[in-house]
Amino acid sequence: MNVKIEESWKTALAPEFDKEYFVKLTDFVRGEYMSGRAVYPAPANIFNAFNLCPLDQVKVVIIGQDPYHEPGQAHGLCFSVLPPTPIPPSLVNIYREIENDLGRPSVTHGELTSWAKQGVLLLNATLTVRAHAAASHAGRGWEQFTDAVIRATATRDNIVYMLWGSYAQRKGEFVDPTRNLVLKSVHPSPLSAHRGFFGNHHFSRANEYLVAHGASPIEW
């Protein structure tokens, strides 16, 4: 399993790679891929979020929880799926809010690579998962690693954090709201979106903040 991570992230996260938890995590994940079980995403996409969005280019951080665990879905960006996979329900609701917030017609696919290339870090808390088994790689060390990722972004100012749902809000609770824009709402899942995700205007608020601080807005 030959996995590489973009150089700026490699430098920032270097202290993590030698820690005991990460060595154990690496052994576990390698064993999962070598076991013959289906594991997602493909090894080359585990660090896709980082490779598409270097640390010094991060403008927005969106935190998910677990990669999609069915075939043809996960490719290393939270909420994102590659065509021709149908758009997942939470992303349908994200697109609906973008359309209502910005007056922009929804796209017809679920791939968010264009966001990542503009500086949106689409970070799942856990970066791998066994097929058909949600949260099967939770509690193995990924959460500690992605906490370090968020802390690395928090060394910079004027980043927008979109924290949807209680899990993401706990994950980003140490971000300084006086130095960044921290946007919170319920999760876009169909189970909760009607309780405050719709109408949160996070996408227009993010762009207004970025422009006010000298950055280009995101083409959502």
N, C-alpha and C. Protein backbone atom coordinates (compact mmCIF):
# COMPACT_ATOMS: atom_id res chain seq x y z
N MET A 1 0.85 -1.19 0.00
CA MET A 1 0.00 0.00 0.00
C MET A 1 0.88 1.24 0.00
N ASN A 2 1.08 1.84 -1.17
CA ASN A 2 1.96 2.99 -1.33
C ASN A 2 1.11 4.25 -1.36
N VAL A 3 1.00 4.91 -0.22
CA VAL A 3 0.14 6.08 -0.09
C VAL A 3 1.01 7.31 0.15
N LYS A 4 0.76 8.37 -0.61
CA LYS A 4 1.52 9.60 -0.46
C LYS A 4 0.60 10.75 -0.09
N ILE A 5 1.15 11.71 0.63
CA ILE A 5 0.39 12.88 1.04
C ILE A 5 1.15 14.13 0.60
N GLU A 6 0.43 15.15 0.20
CA GLU A 6 0.99 16.39 -0.32
C GLU A 6 2.01 16.99 0.66
N GLU A 7 3.04 17.63 0.10
CA GLU A 7 4.22 17.99 0.88
C GLU A 7 3.93 18.95 2.03
N SER A 8 3.09 19.97 1.84
CA SER A 8 2.84 20.91 2.93
C SER A 8 2.14 20.22 4.10
N TRP A 9 1.23 19.29 3.78
CA TRP A 9 0.59 18.51 4.84
C TRP A 9 1.58 17.54 5.47
N LYS A 10 2.43 16.95 4.65
CA LYS A 10 3.43 16.03 5.18
C LYS A 10 4.33 16.71 6.20
N THR A 11 4.71 17.95 5.91
CA THR A 11 5.55 18.71 6.84
C THR A 11 4.78 19.06 8.11
N ALA A 12 3.56 19.55 7.95
CA ALA A 12 2.78 19.99 9.10
C ALA A 12 2.42 18.83 10.02
N LEU A 13 2.18 17.67 9.43
CA LEU A 13 1.72 16.51 10.20
C LEU A 13 2.84 15.55 10.55
N ALA A 14 4.07 15.90 10.23
CA ALA A 14 5.21 15.01 10.47
C ALA A 14 5.28 14.48 11.91
N PRO A 15 4.98 15.32 12.92
CA PRO A 15 5.05 14.79 14.30
C PRO A 15 4.10 13.62 14.55
N GLU A 16 3.00 13.55 13.79
CA GLU A 16 2.03 12.48 14.01
C GLU A 16 2.53 11.13 13.51
N PHE A 17 3.32 11.14 12.46
CA PHE A 17 3.64 9.90 11.77
C PHE A 17 4.47 8.93 12.61
N ASP A 18 5.21 9.47 13.57
CA ASP A 18 6.04 8.60 14.41
C ASP A 18 5.38 8.24 15.74
N LYS A 19 4.19 8.76 15.99
CA LYS A 19 3.51 8.46 17.25
C LYS A 19 2.97 7.03 17.24
N GLU A 20 2.88 6.46 18.42
CA GLU A 20 2.48 5.06 18.54
C GLU A 20 1.11 4.81 17.92
N TYR A 21 0.16 5.72 18.14
CA TYR A 21 -1.19 5.50 17.61
C TYR A 21 -1.18 5.43 16.09
N PHE A 22 -0.33 6.26 15.44
CA PHE A 22 -0.32 6.28 13.98
C PHE A 22 0.37 5.05 13.42
N VAL A 23 1.38 4.57 14.09
CA VAL A 23 2.04 3.33 13.66
C VAL A 23 1.04 2.17 13.73
N LYS A 24 0.27 2.11 14.82
CA LYS A 24 -0.74 1.06 14.95
C LYS A 24 -1.84 1.23 13.92
N LEU A 25 -2.25 2.47 13.68
CA LEU A 25 -3.27 2.75 12.67
C LEU A 25 -2.80 2.30 11.30
N THR A 26 -1.57 2.63 10.95
CA THR A 26 -1.03 2.24 9.65
C THR A 26 -1.02 0.72 9.50
N ASP A 27 -0.59 0.03 10.55
CA ASP A 27 -0.58 -1.44 10.50
C ASP A 27 -1.99 -1.99 10.32
N PHE A 28 -2.93 -1.43 11.03
CA PHE A 28 -4.32 -1.90 10.92
C PHE A 28 -4.87 -1.67 9.52
N VAL A 29 -4.70 -0.46 9.00
CA VAL A 29 -5.26 -0.12 7.68
C VAL A 29 -4.59 -0.96 6.60
N ARG A 30 -3.29 -1.11 6.68
CA ARG A 30 -2.59 -1.94 5.69
C ARG A 30 -3.12 -3.37 5.73
N GLY A 31 -3.31 -3.88 6.94
CA GLY A 31 -3.84 -5.24 7.08
C GLY A 31 -5.23 -5.38 6.51
N GLU A 32 -6.07 -4.35 6.67
CA GLU A 32 -7.42 -4.38 6.11
C GLU A 32 -7.38 -4.46 4.58
N TYR A 33 -6.54 -3.63 3.96
CA TYR A 33 -6.45 -3.65 2.50
C TYR A 33 -5.86 -4.96 1.99
N MET A 34 -4.94 -5.53 2.74
CA MET A 34 -4.28 -6.76 2.29
C MET A 34 -5.08 -8.02 2.61
N SER A 35 -6.14 -7.87 3.37
CA SER A 35 -6.91 -9.03 3.83
C SER A 35 -7.79 -9.64 2.76
N GLY A 36 -7.99 -8.91 1.66
CA GLY A 36 -8.91 -9.37 0.64
C GLY A 36 -10.30 -8.80 0.79
N ARG A 37 -10.57 -8.14 1.93
CA ARG A 37 -11.84 -7.45 2.11
C ARG A 37 -11.88 -6.21 1.22
N ALA A 38 -13.08 -5.78 0.86
CA ALA A 38 -13.24 -4.50 0.17
C ALA A 38 -13.16 -3.39 1.21
N VAL A 39 -12.27 -2.45 0.97
CA VAL A 39 -12.07 -1.30 1.85
C VAL A 39 -12.09 -0.05 0.99
N TYR A 40 -12.73 0.99 1.50
CA TYR A 40 -12.86 2.24 0.74
C TYR A 40 -12.26 3.41 1.53
N PRO A 41 -11.77 4.43 0.80
CA PRO A 41 -11.61 4.51 -0.65
C PRO A 41 -10.43 3.69 -1.12
N ALA A 42 -10.13 3.71 -2.41
CA ALA A 42 -8.92 3.06 -2.91
C ALA A 42 -7.71 3.68 -2.22
N PRO A 43 -6.65 2.90 -1.98
CA PRO A 43 -5.49 3.44 -1.25
C PRO A 43 -4.98 4.77 -1.78
N ALA A 44 -4.96 4.94 -3.08
CA ALA A 44 -4.45 6.18 -3.66
C ALA A 44 -5.31 7.39 -3.32
N ASN A 45 -6.54 7.16 -2.86
CA ASN A 45 -7.46 8.26 -2.55
C ASN A 45 -7.61 8.53 -1.06
N ILE A 46 -6.91 7.79 -0.21
CA ILE A 46 -7.06 7.99 1.23
C ILE A 46 -6.80 9.45 1.61
N PHE A 47 -5.75 10.03 1.04
CA PHE A 47 -5.37 11.41 1.35
C PHE A 47 -5.74 12.38 0.23
N ASN A 48 -6.79 12.05 -0.51
CA ASN A 48 -7.22 12.87 -1.63
C ASN A 48 -7.55 14.30 -1.21
N ALA A 49 -8.20 14.46 -0.06
CA ALA A 49 -8.57 15.80 0.42
C ALA A 49 -7.35 16.68 0.59
N PHE A 50 -6.24 16.10 1.03
CA PHE A 50 -5.00 16.85 1.27
C PHE A 50 -4.26 17.11 -0.03
N ASN A 51 -4.26 16.11 -0.90
CA ASN A 51 -3.52 16.25 -2.15
C ASN A 51 -4.15 17.28 -3.08
N LEU A 52 -5.46 17.44 -2.99
CA LEU A 52 -6.15 18.43 -3.82
C LEU A 52 -6.17 19.82 -3.20
N CYS A 53 -5.92 19.91 -1.90
CA CYS A 53 -6.04 21.18 -1.18
C CYS A 53 -4.87 21.33 -0.21
N PRO A 54 -3.72 21.82 -0.68
CA PRO A 54 -2.56 22.02 0.20
C PRO A 54 -2.90 22.93 1.39
N LEU A 55 -2.18 22.76 2.46
CA LEU A 55 -2.46 23.47 3.70
C LEU A 55 -2.49 24.98 3.51
N ASP A 56 -1.53 25.52 2.76
CA ASP A 56 -1.46 26.97 2.61
C ASP A 56 -2.54 27.53 1.69
N GLN A 57 -3.33 26.65 1.09
CA GLN A 57 -4.42 27.09 0.22
C GLN A 57 -5.80 26.89 0.84
N VAL A 58 -5.85 26.39 2.08
CA VAL A 58 -7.14 26.12 2.71
C VAL A 58 -7.86 27.43 3.03
N LYS A 59 -9.09 27.54 2.53
CA LYS A 59 -9.95 28.68 2.84
C LYS A 59 -11.15 28.27 3.68
N VAL A 60 -11.64 27.06 3.43
CA VAL A 60 -12.84 26.56 4.10
C VAL A 60 -12.56 25.13 4.54
N VAL A 61 -13.06 24.78 5.73
CA VAL A 61 -12.97 23.41 6.22
C VAL A 61 -14.39 22.89 6.45
N ILE A 62 -14.72 21.78 5.80
CA ILE A 62 -15.99 21.09 6.02
C ILE A 62 -15.66 19.72 6.60
N ILE A 63 -16.30 19.36 7.70
CA ILE A 63 -15.97 18.13 8.42
C ILE A 63 -17.10 17.13 8.28
N GLY A 64 -16.78 15.96 7.72
CA GLY A 64 -17.69 14.83 7.71
C GLY A 64 -17.26 13.82 8.76
N GLN A 65 -17.89 12.66 8.75
CA GLN A 65 -17.59 11.69 9.79
C GLN A 65 -16.92 10.43 9.28
N ASP A 66 -17.57 9.73 8.35
CA ASP A 66 -17.11 8.42 7.90
C ASP A 66 -17.20 8.37 6.38
N PRO A 67 -16.26 7.75 5.69
CA PRO A 67 -16.41 7.62 4.24
C PRO A 67 -17.64 6.80 3.88
N TYR A 68 -18.18 7.05 2.70
CA TYR A 68 -19.25 6.18 2.19
C TYR A 68 -18.71 4.75 2.09
N HIS A 69 -19.58 3.79 2.37
CA HIS A 69 -19.10 2.41 2.49
C HIS A 69 -19.69 1.45 1.48
N GLU A 70 -20.27 1.98 0.41
CA GLU A 70 -20.76 1.13 -0.67
C GLU A 70 -19.89 1.32 -1.92
N PRO A 71 -19.88 0.36 -2.84
CA PRO A 71 -19.00 0.43 -4.01
C PRO A 71 -19.23 1.69 -4.84
N GLY A 72 -18.14 2.25 -5.35
CA GLY A 72 -18.22 3.37 -6.27
C GLY A 72 -18.54 4.70 -5.64
N GLN A 73 -18.46 4.79 -4.33
CA GLN A 73 -18.84 6.04 -3.66
C GLN A 73 -17.63 6.83 -3.18
N ALA A 74 -16.96 6.36 -2.14
CA ALA A 74 -15.91 7.14 -1.48
C ALA A 74 -14.71 7.35 -2.40
N HIS A 75 -14.21 8.59 -2.42
CA HIS A 75 -12.94 8.86 -3.11
C HIS A 75 -12.11 9.88 -2.34
N GLY A 76 -12.29 9.92 -1.03
CA GLY A 76 -11.41 10.69 -0.18
C GLY A 76 -11.85 12.09 0.14
N LEU A 77 -13.03 12.52 -0.32
CA LEU A 77 -13.57 13.84 0.00
C LEU A 77 -14.91 13.66 0.69
N CYS A 78 -15.11 14.28 1.83
CA CYS A 78 -16.38 14.11 2.53
C CYS A 78 -17.54 14.64 1.68
N PHE A 79 -18.65 13.94 1.75
CA PHE A 79 -19.90 14.25 1.05
C PHE A 79 -19.84 14.03 -0.46
N SER A 80 -18.68 13.73 -1.02
CA SER A 80 -18.49 13.69 -2.47
C SER A 80 -18.50 12.26 -3.00
N VAL A 81 -19.09 12.08 -4.18
CA VAL A 81 -19.05 10.79 -4.88
C VAL A 81 -18.74 11.05 -6.36
N LEU A 82 -18.11 10.07 -6.98
CA LEU A 82 -17.78 10.20 -8.40
C LEU A 82 -18.96 9.79 -9.27
N PRO A 83 -19.19 10.48 -10.38
CA PRO A 83 -20.19 10.03 -11.34
C PRO A 83 -19.81 8.63 -11.85
N PRO A 84 -20.78 7.78 -12.18
CA PRO A 84 -22.22 8.06 -12.26
C PRO A 84 -22.98 7.72 -10.98
N THR A 85 -22.28 7.64 -9.84
CA THR A 85 -22.95 7.34 -8.59
C THR A 85 -24.04 8.38 -8.30
N PRO A 86 -25.24 7.95 -7.94
CA PRO A 86 -26.30 8.92 -7.60
C PRO A 86 -25.87 9.84 -6.46
N ILE A 87 -26.34 11.06 -6.48
CA ILE A 87 -25.99 12.03 -5.45
C ILE A 87 -26.58 11.58 -4.12
N PRO A 88 -25.77 11.43 -3.07
CA PRO A 88 -26.28 10.99 -1.76
C PRO A 88 -27.25 12.01 -1.16
N PRO A 89 -28.14 11.54 -0.29
CA PRO A 89 -29.18 12.43 0.26
C PRO A 89 -28.65 13.69 0.96
N SER A 90 -27.58 13.56 1.75
CA SER A 90 -27.06 14.75 2.42
C SER A 90 -26.54 15.77 1.42
N LEU A 91 -25.90 15.29 0.36
CA LEU A 91 -25.38 16.20 -0.66
C LEU A 91 -26.52 16.82 -1.47
N VAL A 92 -27.58 16.08 -1.68
CA VAL A 92 -28.77 16.65 -2.31
C VAL A 92 -29.24 17.87 -1.51
N ASN A 93 -29.24 17.73 -0.19
CA ASN A 93 -29.68 18.84 0.66
C ASN A 93 -28.67 19.99 0.67
N ILE A 94 -27.38 19.67 0.59
CA ILE A 94 -26.36 20.71 0.49
C ILE A 94 -26.58 21.51 -0.80
N TYR A 95 -26.79 20.81 -1.90
CA TYR A 95 -27.05 21.49 -3.17
C TYR A 95 -28.32 22.34 -3.11
N ARG A 96 -29.33 21.82 -2.42
CA ARG A 96 -30.58 22.57 -2.30
C ARG A 96 -30.35 23.87 -1.55
N GLU A 97 -29.55 23.83 -0.49
CA GLU A 97 -29.27 25.05 0.25
C GLU A 97 -28.44 26.02 -0.58
N ILE A 98 -27.48 25.51 -1.35
CA ILE A 98 -26.70 26.38 -2.22
C ILE A 98 -27.61 27.09 -3.22
N GLU A 99 -28.54 26.32 -3.80
CA GLU A 99 -29.45 26.90 -4.77
C GLU A 99 -30.33 27.98 -4.14
N ASN A 100 -30.84 27.71 -2.95
CA ASN A 100 -31.69 28.69 -2.26
C ASN A 100 -30.88 29.90 -1.77
N ASP A 101 -29.64 29.65 -1.35
CA ASP A 101 -28.80 30.70 -0.77
C ASP A 101 -28.22 31.61 -1.85
N LEU A 102 -27.75 31.01 -2.92
CA LEU A 102 -27.02 31.77 -3.94
C LEU A 102 -27.79 31.95 -5.23
N GLY A 103 -28.96 31.29 -5.34
CA GLY A 103 -29.72 31.40 -6.56
C GLY A 103 -29.07 30.73 -7.74
N ARG A 104 -28.24 29.72 -7.45
CA ARG A 104 -27.49 29.03 -8.49
C ARG A 104 -28.09 27.65 -8.71
N PRO A 105 -28.37 27.28 -9.95
CA PRO A 105 -28.94 25.95 -10.20
C PRO A 105 -28.02 24.84 -9.71
N SER A 106 -28.61 23.79 -9.19
CA SER A 106 -27.83 22.67 -8.69
C SER A 106 -27.14 21.94 -9.83
N VAL A 107 -25.98 21.40 -9.54
CA VAL A 107 -25.28 20.57 -10.53
C VAL A 107 -25.94 19.19 -10.54
N THR A 108 -25.57 18.38 -11.53
CA THR A 108 -26.24 17.09 -11.72
C THR A 108 -25.37 15.92 -11.33
N HIS A 109 -24.26 16.18 -10.65
CA HIS A 109 -23.38 15.09 -10.21
C HIS A 109 -22.95 15.37 -8.78
N GLY A 110 -22.33 14.37 -8.16
CA GLY A 110 -21.97 14.51 -6.75
C GLY A 110 -20.49 14.69 -6.48
N GLU A 111 -19.72 15.02 -7.50
CA GLU A 111 -18.27 15.15 -7.31
C GLU A 111 -17.90 16.56 -6.88
N LEU A 112 -17.16 16.68 -5.78
CA LEU A 112 -16.81 17.98 -5.21
C LEU A 112 -15.33 18.32 -5.38
N THR A 113 -14.68 17.67 -6.34
CA THR A 113 -13.26 17.94 -6.58
C THR A 113 -13.01 19.41 -6.86
N SER A 114 -13.93 20.06 -7.58
CA SER A 114 -13.74 21.49 -7.90
C SER A 114 -13.71 22.34 -6.64
N TRP A 115 -14.48 21.96 -5.63
CA TRP A 115 -14.41 22.69 -4.36
C TRP A 115 -13.03 22.55 -3.74
N ALA A 116 -12.55 21.30 -3.69
CA ALA A 116 -11.25 21.04 -3.07
C ALA A 116 -10.13 21.83 -3.74
N LYS A 117 -10.18 21.91 -5.06
CA LYS A 117 -9.14 22.63 -5.80
C LYS A 117 -9.21 24.13 -5.56
N GLN A 118 -10.33 24.63 -5.06
CA GLN A 118 -10.46 26.06 -4.75
C GLN A 118 -10.09 26.39 -3.31
N GLY A 119 -9.75 25.37 -2.52
CA GLY A 119 -9.36 25.64 -1.14
C GLY A 119 -10.34 25.17 -0.09
N VAL A 120 -11.23 24.25 -0.46
CA VAL A 120 -12.16 23.69 0.52
C VAL A 120 -11.63 22.33 0.96
N LEU A 121 -11.23 22.23 2.23
CA LEU A 121 -10.75 20.97 2.77
C LEU A 121 -11.96 20.13 3.17
N LEU A 122 -12.20 19.06 2.41
CA LEU A 122 -13.37 18.19 2.63
C LEU A 122 -12.91 16.99 3.44
N LEU A 123 -12.91 17.17 4.75
CA LEU A 123 -12.25 16.25 5.67
C LEU A 123 -13.23 15.33 6.38
N ASN A 124 -13.07 14.04 6.18
CA ASN A 124 -13.77 13.07 7.03
C ASN A 124 -12.96 12.83 8.29
N ALA A 125 -13.64 12.59 9.40
CA ALA A 125 -12.95 12.31 10.66
C ALA A 125 -12.22 10.97 10.60
N THR A 126 -12.79 10.02 9.89
CA THR A 126 -12.18 8.72 9.67
C THR A 126 -11.94 8.59 8.18
N LEU A 127 -10.75 8.17 7.78
CA LEU A 127 -10.39 8.25 6.36
C LEU A 127 -10.56 6.95 5.60
N THR A 128 -10.87 5.86 6.28
CA THR A 128 -11.09 4.59 5.60
C THR A 128 -12.26 3.86 6.26
N VAL A 129 -12.82 2.88 5.54
CA VAL A 129 -13.96 2.12 6.06
C VAL A 129 -14.04 0.79 5.33
N ARG A 130 -14.50 -0.23 6.02
CA ARG A 130 -14.73 -1.53 5.39
C ARG A 130 -16.06 -1.50 4.64
N ALA A 131 -16.13 -2.17 3.52
CA ALA A 131 -17.34 -2.18 2.71
C ALA A 131 -18.55 -2.64 3.52
N HIS A 132 -19.66 -1.95 3.32
CA HIS A 132 -20.96 -2.30 3.91
C HIS A 132 -20.96 -2.24 5.44
N ALA A 133 -19.98 -1.57 6.02
CA ALA A 133 -19.86 -1.57 7.49
C ALA A 133 -19.50 -0.17 7.98
N ALA A 134 -20.51 0.64 8.17
CA ALA A 134 -20.29 2.02 8.62
C ALA A 134 -19.51 2.05 9.92
N ALA A 135 -18.59 3.00 10.02
CA ALA A 135 -17.79 3.22 11.23
C ALA A 135 -16.91 2.03 11.59
N SER A 136 -16.64 1.15 10.65
CA SER A 136 -15.85 -0.04 10.94
C SER A 136 -14.38 0.27 11.21
N HIS A 137 -13.91 1.45 10.79
CA HIS A 137 -12.54 1.85 11.09
C HIS A 137 -12.49 2.99 12.10
N ALA A 138 -13.61 3.25 12.75
CA ALA A 138 -13.64 4.26 13.81
C ALA A 138 -12.92 3.73 15.05
N GLY A 139 -12.36 4.64 15.81
CA GLY A 139 -11.70 4.26 17.05
C GLY A 139 -10.36 3.58 16.88
N ARG A 140 -9.80 3.68 15.68
CA ARG A 140 -8.51 3.03 15.40
C ARG A 140 -7.35 4.02 15.34
N GLY A 141 -7.67 5.32 15.44
CA GLY A 141 -6.62 6.33 15.41
C GLY A 141 -6.83 7.43 14.39
N TRP A 142 -7.71 7.20 13.43
CA TRP A 142 -7.95 8.25 12.44
C TRP A 142 -8.44 9.53 13.09
N GLU A 143 -9.29 9.41 14.11
CA GLU A 143 -9.84 10.60 14.74
C GLU A 143 -8.75 11.47 15.37
N GLN A 144 -7.74 10.83 15.97
CA GLN A 144 -6.64 11.59 16.55
C GLN A 144 -5.84 12.27 15.44
N PHE A 145 -5.65 11.58 14.34
CA PHE A 145 -4.92 12.15 13.21
C PHE A 145 -5.67 13.35 12.63
N THR A 146 -6.97 13.21 12.43
CA THR A 146 -7.71 14.33 11.83
C THR A 146 -7.92 15.48 12.82
N ASP A 147 -7.86 15.21 14.12
CA ASP A 147 -7.79 16.32 15.07
C ASP A 147 -6.52 17.14 14.82
N ALA A 148 -5.41 16.44 14.56
CA ALA A 148 -4.15 17.13 14.27
C ALA A 148 -4.25 17.93 12.97
N VAL A 149 -4.99 17.40 12.02
CA VAL A 149 -5.22 18.13 10.76
C VAL A 149 -5.94 19.45 11.04
N ILE A 150 -7.00 19.39 11.82
CA ILE A 150 -7.76 20.61 12.12
C ILE A 150 -6.90 21.59 12.91
N ARG A 151 -6.10 21.08 13.82
CA ARG A 151 -5.20 21.96 14.58
C ARG A 151 -4.18 22.63 13.65
N ALA A 152 -3.75 21.90 12.63
CA ALA A 152 -2.81 22.50 11.67
C ALA A 152 -3.47 23.64 10.91
N THR A 153 -4.74 23.49 10.54
CA THR A 153 -5.42 24.59 9.86
C THR A 153 -5.64 25.75 10.81
N ALA A 154 -5.82 25.46 12.08
CA ALA A 154 -6.13 26.49 13.07
C ALA A 154 -4.93 27.35 13.42
N THR A 155 -3.75 27.01 12.91
CA THR A 155 -2.58 27.88 13.11
C THR A 155 -2.66 29.09 12.18
N ARG A 156 -3.56 29.04 11.20
CA ARG A 156 -3.74 30.14 10.26
C ARG A 156 -5.02 30.90 10.62
N ASP A 157 -5.15 32.12 10.11
CA ASP A 157 -6.32 32.94 10.41
C ASP A 157 -7.24 33.03 9.20
N ASN A 158 -8.46 33.49 9.46
CA ASN A 158 -9.43 33.83 8.42
C ASN A 158 -9.84 32.63 7.56
N ILE A 159 -10.01 31.49 8.21
CA ILE A 159 -10.55 30.30 7.56
C ILE A 159 -12.00 30.14 7.99
N VAL A 160 -12.82 29.67 7.09
CA VAL A 160 -14.23 29.39 7.39
C VAL A 160 -14.38 27.93 7.76
N TYR A 161 -14.96 27.66 8.92
CA TYR A 161 -15.23 26.29 9.35
C TYR A 161 -16.73 26.06 9.31
N MET A 162 -17.15 25.09 8.51
CA MET A 162 -18.56 24.72 8.43
C MET A 162 -18.76 23.45 9.25
N LEU A 163 -19.37 23.60 10.40
CA LEU A 163 -19.52 22.50 11.35
C LEU A 163 -20.99 22.10 11.40
N TRP A 164 -21.30 21.05 10.67
CA TRP A 164 -22.68 20.60 10.51
C TRP A 164 -22.93 19.38 11.37
N GLY A 165 -23.76 19.54 12.38
CA GLY A 165 -24.07 18.43 13.28
C GLY A 165 -23.17 18.42 14.49
N SER A 166 -23.61 17.73 15.53
CA SER A 166 -22.91 17.76 16.81
C SER A 166 -21.53 17.14 16.72
N TYR A 167 -21.36 16.12 15.89
CA TYR A 167 -20.04 15.48 15.79
C TYR A 167 -19.02 16.48 15.25
N ALA A 168 -19.34 17.13 14.15
CA ALA A 168 -18.42 18.10 13.56
C ALA A 168 -18.17 19.26 14.52
N GLN A 169 -19.18 19.67 15.24
CA GLN A 169 -19.00 20.78 16.17
C GLN A 169 -18.06 20.41 17.31
N ARG A 170 -18.14 19.18 17.79
CA ARG A 170 -17.18 18.74 18.80
C ARG A 170 -15.77 18.67 18.21
N LYS A 171 -15.70 18.22 16.98
CA LYS A 171 -14.40 18.07 16.32
C LYS A 171 -13.70 19.43 16.15
N GLY A 172 -14.47 20.47 15.93
CA GLY A 172 -13.89 21.79 15.71
C GLY A 172 -14.02 22.73 16.88
N GLU A 173 -14.26 22.20 18.08
CA GLU A 173 -14.57 23.08 19.21
C GLU A 173 -13.39 23.94 19.66
N PHE A 174 -12.18 23.58 19.28
CA PHE A 174 -11.03 24.37 19.71
C PHE A 174 -10.65 25.46 18.71
N VAL A 175 -11.37 25.57 17.60
CA VAL A 175 -11.08 26.62 16.62
C VAL A 175 -11.47 27.97 17.23
N ASP A 176 -10.60 28.95 17.08
CA ASP A 176 -10.82 30.28 17.67
C ASP A 176 -11.78 31.09 16.79
N PRO A 177 -12.99 31.37 17.27
CA PRO A 177 -13.96 32.10 16.46
C PRO A 177 -13.63 33.58 16.32
N THR A 178 -12.66 34.07 17.09
CA THR A 178 -12.26 35.47 16.94
C THR A 178 -11.25 35.64 15.81
N ARG A 179 -10.67 34.55 15.35
CA ARG A 179 -9.67 34.61 14.27
C ARG A 179 -10.18 33.97 12.99
N ASN A 180 -11.33 33.31 13.06
CA ASN A 180 -11.89 32.59 11.93
C ASN A 180 -13.41 32.74 11.95
N LEU A 181 -14.05 32.32 10.88
CA LEU A 181 -15.52 32.30 10.86
C LEU A 181 -15.97 30.86 11.11
N VAL A 182 -16.66 30.66 12.22
CA VAL A 182 -17.14 29.33 12.59
C VAL A 182 -18.65 29.31 12.39
N LEU A 183 -19.09 28.52 11.41
CA LEU A 183 -20.51 28.41 11.07
C LEU A 183 -21.03 27.07 11.55
N LYS A 184 -22.11 27.09 12.32
CA LYS A 184 -22.66 25.86 12.90
C LYS A 184 -24.13 25.71 12.52
N SER A 185 -24.51 24.47 12.26
CA SER A 185 -25.93 24.16 12.08
C SER A 185 -26.11 22.67 12.27
N VAL A 186 -27.35 22.21 12.17
CA VAL A 186 -27.59 20.77 12.17
C VAL A 186 -26.99 20.18 10.90
N HIS A 187 -26.91 18.86 10.87
CA HIS A 187 -26.34 18.13 9.73
C HIS A 187 -27.32 18.20 8.54
N PRO A 188 -26.80 18.16 7.31
CA PRO A 188 -27.68 18.17 6.14
C PRO A 188 -28.40 16.86 5.85
N SER A 189 -28.25 15.88 6.70
CA SER A 189 -28.97 14.63 6.54
C SER A 189 -30.48 14.87 6.45
N PRO A 190 -31.20 14.05 5.67
CA PRO A 190 -32.66 14.18 5.63
C PRO A 190 -33.32 14.08 7.00
N LEU A 191 -32.63 13.47 7.96
CA LEU A 191 -33.19 13.34 9.31
C LEU A 191 -33.20 14.66 10.06
N SER A 192 -32.35 15.61 9.65
CA SER A 192 -32.20 16.83 10.44
C SER A 192 -32.22 18.11 9.64
N ALA A 193 -32.08 18.04 8.33
CA ALA A 193 -31.89 19.26 7.52
C ALA A 193 -32.99 20.29 7.73
N HIS A 194 -34.23 19.82 7.94
CA HIS A 194 -35.35 20.75 8.10
C HIS A 194 -35.34 21.44 9.46
N ARG A 195 -34.41 21.05 10.33
CA ARG A 195 -34.34 21.66 11.66
C ARG A 195 -33.24 22.72 11.75
N GLY A 196 -32.86 23.28 10.60
CA GLY A 196 -31.91 24.39 10.66
C GLY A 196 -30.80 24.38 9.64
N PHE A 197 -30.68 23.30 8.87
CA PHE A 197 -29.67 23.37 7.80
C PHE A 197 -30.18 24.24 6.66
N PHE A 198 -31.42 23.97 6.25
CA PHE A 198 -32.01 24.80 5.22
C PHE A 198 -32.20 26.22 5.76
N GLY A 199 -31.71 27.17 5.02
CA GLY A 199 -31.81 28.56 5.45
C GLY A 199 -30.64 29.03 6.29
N ASN A 200 -29.58 28.20 6.45
CA ASN A 200 -28.45 28.66 7.28
C ASN A 200 -27.54 29.66 6.54
N HIS A 201 -27.66 29.74 5.22
CA HIS A 201 -26.90 30.70 4.41
C HIS A 201 -25.39 30.58 4.61
N HIS A 202 -24.92 29.37 4.89
CA HIS A 202 -23.48 29.21 5.14
C HIS A 202 -22.64 29.52 3.92
N PHE A 203 -23.15 29.27 2.74
CA PHE A 203 -22.34 29.41 1.54
C PHE A 203 -22.15 30.88 1.17
N SER A 204 -23.21 31.67 1.28
CA SER A 204 -23.06 33.11 1.04
C SER A 204 -22.26 33.76 2.16
N ARG A 205 -22.47 33.34 3.39
CA ARG A 205 -21.74 33.91 4.52
C ARG A 205 -20.25 33.61 4.39
N ALA A 206 -19.92 32.39 3.96
CA ALA A 206 -18.52 32.02 3.76
C ALA A 206 -17.87 32.92 2.71
N ASN A 207 -18.55 33.09 1.59
CA ASN A 207 -17.97 33.91 0.52
C ASN A 207 -17.84 35.37 0.92
N GLU A 208 -18.81 35.89 1.63
CA GLU A 208 -18.72 37.27 2.10
C GLU A 208 -17.52 37.45 3.02
N TYR A 209 -17.31 36.49 3.89
CA TYR A 209 -16.17 36.55 4.82
C TYR A 209 -14.85 36.47 4.06
N LEU A 210 -14.75 35.54 3.12
CA LEU A 210 -13.51 35.38 2.36
C LEU A 210 -13.17 36.66 1.60
N VAL A 211 -14.15 37.23 0.93
CA VAL A 211 -13.91 38.46 0.18
C VAL A 211 -13.51 39.60 1.11
N ALA A 212 -14.16 39.68 2.26
CA ALA A 212 -13.84 40.74 3.23
C ALA A 212 -12.43 40.63 3.76
N HIS A 213 -11.86 39.42 3.68
CA HIS A 213 -10.50 39.21 4.18
C HIS A 213 -9.51 38.97 3.04
N GLY A 214 -9.86 39.45 1.86
CA GLY A 214 -8.91 39.49 0.76
C GLY A 214 -8.73 38.21 -0.02
N ALA A 215 -9.64 37.25 0.17
CA ALA A 215 -9.55 35.98 -0.56
C ALA A 215 -10.65 35.91 -1.62
N SER A 216 -10.42 35.12 -2.62
CA SER A 216 -11.45 34.94 -3.65
C SER A 216 -12.56 34.03 -3.13
N PRO A 217 -13.80 34.28 -3.53
CA PRO A 217 -14.91 33.43 -3.08
C PRO A 217 -14.86 32.06 -3.73
N ILE A 218 -15.60 31.14 -3.15
CA ILE A 218 -15.69 29.78 -3.69
C ILE A 218 -16.82 29.72 -4.70
N GLU A 219 -16.57 29.08 -5.82
CA GLU A 219 -17.64 28.78 -6.78
C GLU A 219 -18.29 27.48 -6.32
N TRP A 220 -19.32 27.61 -5.53
CA TRP A 220 -19.95 26.43 -4.96
C TRP A 220 -20.73 25.65 -6.02
